[in-house]
Structure formats: C-alpha cells, structure tokens
Amino acid sequence: MRSLSGRIMAVAWSGILGFLIIVFGAGVWAALVASNLKTSPAVPWAVPVMALVLGLMWLYLGGKYWPRSTSQARRRLLRANPVSAQAFGWALLAGVMSIAAFAGYWIVMFQLVKMPGNALPDFSRYPLLTVALMILMGSLAAPLTEEPAFRGYCQVILEREFRGPIAVVISSVLFALAHGPTQGFLLPKLLFYFLVGVAFGATAYLTDSILPAIPVHVAGLLIFFSLVWPHDANRRLLWEGGGGAWFWIHAAQTIIFTALAILAFLRLARVTERMRTVGGDCVVSDPTSEPVG
C-alpha cells in the first residue's frame, strides 16, 4: 500500500494520460471533419483517414513502435485482453441493458431540468452518404479513444493503487469531467457521464479487458446520435406541459432497465469469479503489480 501522496500522484497521472488520449482522438477527428466539410463535402475522405489514425493509435497504445522500452507497459495499460465467450456475452447483455437505462435517464432528465441539449453539427447541407459515414465514424472514434483512455490506461493505473470498485469510481469521475468542456459542466450531464463510466469501468474491471465495452459504446452512440440527442431541443419541462404518458414510460424504462443491468452485472461478476477460481482465461489484473512510469 503506497502513501497518500503516492495515491494522489497515481490519480493525477492516470487522469493526465486519459485526457491526453481523448484530446488527441477527439481533436484529430474534429479537425478532419471541419476540413472535409469545408473543402470537399461530397467525398468523405475524413472517414478513411480517421480509420488509419485510430489504427495507428491503437497499435501504439498496445505496445507497438518506439520506444521499445515501454512496449510491455503500454500493452498492459491498454488492457485489450481476450475474453471468454460466456463472459463476453454477459458483458454485452449488461451493456445493452445499461444503454436502454441511460436513454431513459437522459430523456427524463431533460424534462426535469432546463439545460441545453448536446450540440450536434448541422449536416442538412451535406450529402446523405457523407453524413451517414461521418456519424458512423464518430460513433467508432469515441469508443476507440475513450475506452483505451479511461478504462485502459487510466483505470489500470488506478487499480494498482485502489481496490477495483474505488478505481472504477475515480476513473468515472475523470471520464465525466472530460466531457465537461464540450457538453457543459452541468450536474445532470456530469452524473449521466459518470454512470456511463461506471458501467463501462465495471465491465473492464470484471473482464480485465476493454474489448466487451467497445461494441456497446458504439451502439449506444449510434442510438443517441440518431434517436435521442436530435430531439433534445424539442423536449419540454414537466411543469410546462412536457409530461404525459411518454414521460412516465421513459421513467419506467430507466428504472426497469437499471434493475436488469444490475442483475446482468452481478451475473457477470459471478461468471468471472468462477473462471478465476478454476483458472479460466478471464482474470482480473493484479492491483499489486509494479506501477509503470
């Protein structure tokens, strides 16, 4: 067990690494989109370029390229470990239930608290193919950046200094704060991203891998990009006539799917614990391993 100052340094270092990775990924994608739409919107060249950038970033974070002295450390921090089919299946189910709960929470939240919706680019002037491919790439770029950043590098470092659940909570707080500059430092939104971080962080901790959360993260973004966020501006507060049957349906959706998600996570925890007990292939990383850096 390290000293308090050592733990504080671990939190700071994990946060810095997470923020650097997410800023790089988001910054490159934003620059590519802006340049593409300004110069040649009919040809979505930003999509394959970003795919190449993500591939190179993933390889580097996973231990490829210079400096070779940090290759093993980067591979461990990425935590892109294989997961058994059973654990992967329960992780997917828990993630899908969580996404359904988060969608309900977001809609209910916007009818209880007055705040601006998530800013989405105005794609109405651009070709449909360009728009579709950019939304798809945006839904891929964020998970392939955020999962390595916060459930990989950030949380792995934290798990060496704290018990797993505490590490998940800290990484989720950092994940929520990372969305503040673009989404606003509003308590309901920060709580939303914190809960998202808890769901994905718990998945990574239980399976010792960031891989199961990635398809769930992608699907969640596609749902929010197409079905949730475009309607934020039209949602009315409950006391301004925004109630009705749909409000209560979404409130029930939030409660029911939250309960189902918790049950699925509990089942996932039992599955991975049993695999560890019998020497299976889904082992949680050792929090006592030597820190890197």
Protein backbone atom coordinates (compact mmCIF):
# COMPACT_ATOMS: atom_id res chain seq x y z
CA MET A 1 0.00 0.00 0.00
CA ARG A 2 1.51 3.31 -1.01
CA SER A 3 1.31 6.60 0.84
CA LEU A 4 -1.41 9.19 0.36
CA SER A 5 0.91 11.29 -1.79
CA GLY A 6 1.62 8.24 -3.96
CA ARG A 7 -2.09 7.67 -4.47
CA ILE A 8 -2.68 11.31 -5.32
CA MET A 9 0.11 11.12 -7.89
CA ALA A 10 -1.46 7.97 -9.35
CA VAL A 11 -4.83 9.71 -9.73
CA ALA A 12 -3.17 12.74 -11.33
CA TRP A 13 -1.02 10.66 -13.69
CA SER A 14 -3.93 8.42 -14.72
CA GLY A 15 -6.08 11.47 -15.38
CA ILE A 16 -3.38 13.17 -17.44
CA LEU A 17 -2.88 10.10 -19.62
CA GLY A 18 -6.64 9.65 -20.09
CA PHE A 19 -7.15 13.29 -21.04
CA LEU A 20 -4.20 13.30 -23.44
CA ILE A 21 -5.51 10.25 -25.30
CA ILE A 22 -9.06 11.55 -25.56
CA VAL A 23 -7.93 15.04 -26.61
CA PHE A 24 -5.76 13.55 -29.34
CA GLY A 25 -8.54 11.35 -30.73
CA ALA A 26 -11.30 13.95 -30.50
CA GLY A 27 -9.06 16.74 -31.76
CA VAL A 28 -7.90 14.87 -34.85
CA TRP A 29 -11.44 13.81 -35.75
CA ALA A 30 -12.84 17.33 -35.27
CA ALA A 31 -10.09 18.79 -37.47
CA LEU A 32 -10.64 16.19 -40.18
CA VAL A 33 -14.42 16.73 -40.23
CA ALA A 34 -14.10 20.51 -40.39
CA SER A 35 -11.56 20.34 -43.22
CA ASN A 36 -13.53 17.71 -45.16
CA LEU A 37 -16.84 19.59 -44.97
CA LYS A 38 -15.15 22.85 -45.97
CA THR A 39 -13.17 21.57 -48.95
CA SER A 40 -14.97 18.59 -50.48
CA PRO A 41 -18.16 17.54 -48.64
CA ALA A 42 -19.22 15.19 -51.45
CA VAL A 43 -16.17 12.99 -50.82
CA PRO A 44 -15.97 11.84 -47.16
CA TRP A 45 -12.19 11.35 -47.18
CA ALA A 46 -12.00 12.15 -43.46
CA VAL A 47 -13.51 8.73 -42.67
CA PRO A 48 -10.70 6.50 -44.05
CA VAL A 49 -8.06 8.93 -42.79
CA MET A 50 -9.52 8.73 -39.27
CA ALA A 51 -9.69 4.94 -39.54
CA LEU A 52 -5.94 4.94 -40.28
CA VAL A 53 -5.25 7.30 -37.36
CA LEU A 54 -7.27 5.12 -34.98
CA GLY A 55 -5.48 2.00 -36.16
CA LEU A 56 -2.04 3.53 -35.63
CA MET A 57 -3.07 4.95 -32.25
CA TRP A 58 -4.41 1.57 -31.13
CA LEU A 59 -1.17 -0.16 -32.19
CA TYR A 60 0.95 2.40 -30.37
CA LEU A 61 -1.11 2.25 -27.17
CA GLY A 62 -0.92 -1.54 -27.38
CA GLY A 63 2.88 -1.58 -27.39
CA LYS A 64 3.99 -1.12 -31.00
CA TYR A 65 6.65 1.32 -32.26
CA TRP A 66 9.18 3.42 -30.39
CA PRO A 67 10.22 3.47 -27.61
CA ARG A 68 10.59 -0.30 -27.27
CA SER A 69 11.41 0.05 -23.58
CA THR A 70 7.76 0.92 -22.86
CA SER A 71 6.16 -1.67 -25.17
CA GLN A 72 5.18 -4.13 -22.42
CA ALA A 73 3.93 -1.35 -20.17
CA ARG A 74 1.75 0.10 -22.94
CA ARG A 75 0.34 -3.33 -23.78
CA ARG A 76 -0.69 -3.90 -20.16
CA LEU A 77 -2.16 -0.42 -19.82
CA LEU A 78 -4.29 -0.78 -22.95
CA ARG A 79 -5.87 -3.93 -21.47
CA ALA A 80 -7.18 -5.22 -24.80
CA ASN A 81 -7.20 -8.77 -23.45
CA PRO A 82 -9.19 -11.67 -24.92
CA VAL A 83 -12.36 -12.58 -23.03
CA SER A 84 -14.19 -15.91 -22.85
CA ALA A 85 -17.40 -16.21 -24.86
CA GLN A 86 -19.55 -16.58 -21.73
CA ALA A 87 -18.10 -13.50 -20.02
CA PHE A 88 -18.29 -11.51 -23.26
CA GLY A 89 -21.95 -12.44 -23.67
CA TRP A 90 -22.91 -11.36 -20.15
CA ALA A 91 -20.89 -8.16 -20.57
CA LEU A 92 -22.78 -7.36 -23.78
CA LEU A 93 -26.13 -8.04 -22.10
CA ALA A 94 -25.24 -5.83 -19.13
CA GLY A 95 -24.11 -3.12 -21.55
CA VAL A 96 -27.26 -3.25 -23.66
CA MET A 97 -29.46 -3.03 -20.55
CA SER A 98 -27.36 -0.08 -19.39
CA ILE A 99 -27.75 1.76 -22.71
CA ALA A 100 -31.53 1.35 -22.53
CA ALA A 101 -31.48 2.74 -18.98
CA PHE A 102 -29.22 5.66 -19.96
CA ALA A 103 -31.52 6.62 -22.85
CA GLY A 104 -34.47 6.76 -20.47
CA TYR A 105 -32.48 8.73 -17.92
CA TRP A 106 -31.37 11.29 -20.49
CA ILE A 107 -34.92 11.89 -21.77
CA VAL A 108 -36.40 12.14 -18.26
CA MET A 109 -33.57 14.43 -17.16
CA PHE A 110 -34.34 16.87 -19.97
CA GLN A 111 -37.95 17.09 -18.79
CA LEU A 112 -36.94 17.77 -15.19
CA VAL A 113 -34.01 20.18 -15.61
CA LYS A 114 -33.76 23.04 -18.08
CA MET A 115 -30.46 22.89 -19.95
CA PRO A 116 -29.08 22.99 -23.48
CA GLY A 117 -29.00 19.79 -25.49
CA ASN A 118 -25.85 18.23 -26.80
CA ALA A 119 -24.56 20.28 -29.72
CA LEU A 120 -24.72 18.36 -32.99
CA PRO A 121 -23.29 19.59 -36.30
CA ASP A 122 -25.76 20.87 -38.89
CA PHE A 123 -25.48 18.22 -41.59
CA SER A 124 -28.57 19.34 -43.52
CA ARG A 125 -26.46 20.95 -46.29
CA TYR A 126 -24.32 17.90 -46.95
CA PRO A 127 -24.81 14.68 -48.97
CA LEU A 128 -26.55 11.83 -47.16
CA LEU A 129 -23.66 9.40 -47.71
CA THR A 130 -21.17 11.84 -46.20
CA VAL A 131 -23.42 12.41 -43.20
CA ALA A 132 -24.03 8.70 -42.64
CA LEU A 133 -20.35 7.78 -42.86
CA MET A 134 -19.30 10.62 -40.55
CA ILE A 135 -21.89 9.66 -37.93
CA LEU A 136 -20.71 6.06 -38.15
CA MET A 137 -17.06 7.06 -37.81
CA GLY A 138 -17.90 9.42 -34.96
CA SER A 139 -19.61 6.51 -33.19
CA LEU A 140 -16.46 4.43 -33.70
CA ALA A 141 -13.86 7.10 -32.95
CA ALA A 142 -15.15 7.98 -29.49
CA PRO A 143 -15.20 4.40 -28.10
CA LEU A 144 -11.87 3.51 -29.70
CA THR A 145 -10.40 6.58 -27.98
CA GLU A 146 -12.29 6.70 -24.69
CA GLU A 147 -12.08 3.02 -23.78
CA PRO A 148 -8.25 2.91 -24.10
CA ALA A 149 -8.02 6.28 -22.35
CA PHE A 150 -10.21 5.73 -19.30
CA ARG A 151 -10.98 2.02 -18.94
CA GLY A 152 -7.50 1.09 -20.16
CA TYR A 153 -4.65 3.40 -19.22
CA CYS A 154 -6.41 5.45 -16.55
CA GLN A 155 -8.21 2.66 -14.72
CA VAL A 156 -5.35 0.14 -14.90
CA ILE A 157 -3.07 2.63 -13.12
CA LEU A 158 -5.77 3.30 -10.52
CA GLU A 159 -6.37 -0.40 -9.90
CA ARG A 160 -2.75 -0.69 -8.78
CA GLU A 161 -3.36 1.82 -6.01
CA PHE A 162 -7.00 1.24 -5.05
CA ARG A 163 -9.50 -1.56 -4.75
CA GLY A 164 -11.33 -2.25 -8.02
CA PRO A 165 -14.64 -0.52 -7.20
CA ILE A 166 -12.84 2.61 -5.99
CA ALA A 167 -10.71 2.67 -9.14
CA VAL A 168 -13.87 2.42 -11.24
CA VAL A 169 -15.45 5.35 -9.39
CA ILE A 170 -12.37 7.56 -9.75
CA SER A 171 -11.96 6.79 -13.46
CA SER A 172 -15.67 7.50 -13.94
CA VAL A 173 -15.35 10.90 -12.27
CA LEU A 174 -12.44 11.73 -14.58
CA PHE A 175 -14.44 10.45 -17.56
CA ALA A 176 -17.36 12.72 -16.64
CA LEU A 177 -15.10 15.74 -16.21
CA ALA A 178 -13.52 15.05 -19.62
CA HIS A 179 -16.95 15.66 -21.21
CA GLY A 180 -17.45 18.96 -19.41
CA PRO A 181 -15.64 21.22 -21.91
CA THR A 182 -17.85 20.03 -24.80
CA GLN A 183 -21.10 19.04 -23.03
CA GLY A 184 -21.16 21.60 -20.22
CA PHE A 185 -20.38 21.29 -16.51
CA LEU A 186 -24.00 20.71 -15.56
CA LEU A 187 -24.69 18.32 -12.69
CA PRO A 188 -27.28 16.13 -14.50
CA LYS A 189 -24.99 15.70 -17.53
CA LEU A 190 -21.95 15.04 -15.35
CA LEU A 191 -23.98 12.44 -13.44
CA PHE A 192 -25.01 10.84 -16.74
CA TYR A 193 -21.42 10.50 -17.97
CA PHE A 194 -20.32 9.32 -14.52
CA LEU A 195 -22.87 6.49 -14.65
CA VAL A 196 -21.78 5.62 -18.19
CA GLY A 197 -18.21 5.48 -16.90
CA VAL A 198 -19.27 3.21 -14.03
CA ALA A 199 -20.97 0.77 -16.42
CA PHE A 200 -18.03 0.58 -18.81
CA GLY A 201 -15.48 0.69 -15.98
CA ALA A 202 -17.18 -2.20 -14.17
CA THR A 203 -17.16 -4.18 -17.41
CA ALA A 204 -13.44 -3.60 -17.87
CA TYR A 205 -12.67 -4.47 -14.25
CA LEU A 206 -14.74 -7.66 -14.19
CA THR A 207 -13.47 -8.97 -17.54
CA ASP A 208 -9.97 -7.46 -17.32
CA SER A 209 -10.50 -6.14 -20.85
CA ILE A 210 -11.75 -3.05 -22.67
CA LEU A 211 -12.97 -5.14 -25.61
CA PRO A 212 -16.53 -6.03 -24.40
CA ALA A 213 -17.43 -2.37 -23.78
CA ILE A 214 -16.44 -1.17 -27.25
CA PRO A 215 -19.39 -2.62 -29.28
CA VAL A 216 -21.81 -1.48 -26.57
CA HIS A 217 -20.28 2.00 -26.60
CA VAL A 218 -20.56 2.15 -30.41
CA ALA A 219 -24.21 1.01 -30.37
CA GLY A 220 -25.03 3.49 -27.62
CA LEU A 221 -23.59 6.41 -29.56
CA LEU A 222 -25.46 5.41 -32.72
CA ILE A 223 -28.70 5.32 -30.72
CA PHE A 224 -28.06 8.69 -29.08
CA PHE A 225 -26.88 10.34 -32.31
CA SER A 226 -29.95 9.19 -34.25
CA LEU A 227 -32.80 8.83 -31.73
CA VAL A 228 -32.06 10.84 -28.58
CA TRP A 229 -29.89 13.94 -29.00
CA PRO A 230 -31.62 15.30 -32.15
CA HIS A 231 -34.84 15.70 -30.13
CA ASP A 232 -33.36 17.46 -27.08
CA ALA A 233 -34.33 20.94 -28.29
CA ASN A 234 -37.99 19.91 -28.53
CA ARG A 235 -38.32 18.42 -25.05
CA ARG A 236 -40.49 20.45 -22.69
CA LEU A 237 -40.15 20.59 -18.94
CA LEU A 238 -42.62 18.51 -16.94
CA TRP A 239 -44.29 21.58 -15.39
CA GLU A 240 -44.53 23.26 -18.79
CA GLY A 241 -46.69 20.56 -20.31
CA GLY A 242 -43.91 18.12 -21.03
CA GLY A 243 -45.40 15.26 -19.05
CA GLY A 244 -47.92 12.83 -20.39
CA ALA A 245 -47.65 9.12 -20.99
CA TRP A 246 -44.23 9.24 -22.68
CA PHE A 247 -42.60 10.81 -19.64
CA TRP A 248 -43.80 8.00 -17.40
CA ILE A 249 -42.89 5.38 -20.00
CA HIS A 250 -39.33 6.70 -20.10
CA ALA A 251 -39.22 6.91 -16.30
CA ALA A 252 -40.31 3.26 -16.10
CA GLN A 253 -37.75 2.42 -18.81
CA THR A 254 -34.99 3.94 -16.67
CA ILE A 255 -35.98 2.02 -13.54
CA ILE A 256 -36.63 -1.35 -15.20
CA PHE A 257 -33.51 -1.42 -17.34
CA THR A 258 -31.35 -0.17 -14.47
CA ALA A 259 -32.53 -3.16 -12.42
CA LEU A 260 -31.91 -5.53 -15.34
CA ALA A 261 -28.44 -4.07 -15.90
CA ILE A 262 -27.53 -4.55 -12.22
CA LEU A 263 -28.69 -8.19 -12.38
CA ALA A 264 -26.63 -8.76 -15.54
CA PHE A 265 -23.54 -7.21 -13.93
CA LEU A 266 -23.99 -9.40 -10.86
CA ARG A 267 -24.19 -12.44 -13.11
CA LEU A 268 -21.07 -11.27 -14.98
CA ALA A 269 -19.25 -10.92 -11.65
CA ARG A 270 -20.18 -14.50 -10.70
CA VAL A 271 -19.08 -15.83 -14.08
CA THR A 272 -15.69 -14.11 -13.97
CA GLU A 273 -15.17 -15.07 -10.32
CA ARG A 274 -15.83 -18.72 -11.15
CA MET A 275 -13.38 -18.52 -14.06
CA ARG A 276 -10.70 -17.09 -11.80
CA THR A 277 -11.35 -19.82 -9.26
CA VAL A 278 -10.92 -22.63 -11.78
CA GLY A 279 -8.02 -20.93 -13.57
CA GLY A 280 -10.06 -19.69 -16.56
CA ASP A 281 -8.93 -17.24 -19.20
CA CYS A 282 -10.71 -14.18 -17.81
CA VAL A 283 -8.54 -12.97 -14.93
CA VAL A 284 -8.72 -9.54 -13.35
CA SER A 285 -5.41 -7.68 -13.37
CA ASP A 286 -3.36 -7.84 -10.20
CA PRO A 287 -3.66 -4.49 -8.39
CA THR A 288 -0.38 -5.20 -6.57
CA SER A 289 1.69 -5.38 -9.73
CA GLU A 290 4.56 -2.94 -10.08
CA PRO A 291 3.47 0.57 -11.19
CA VAL A 292 4.65 1.78 -14.57
CA GLY A 293 6.10 5.18 -15.28
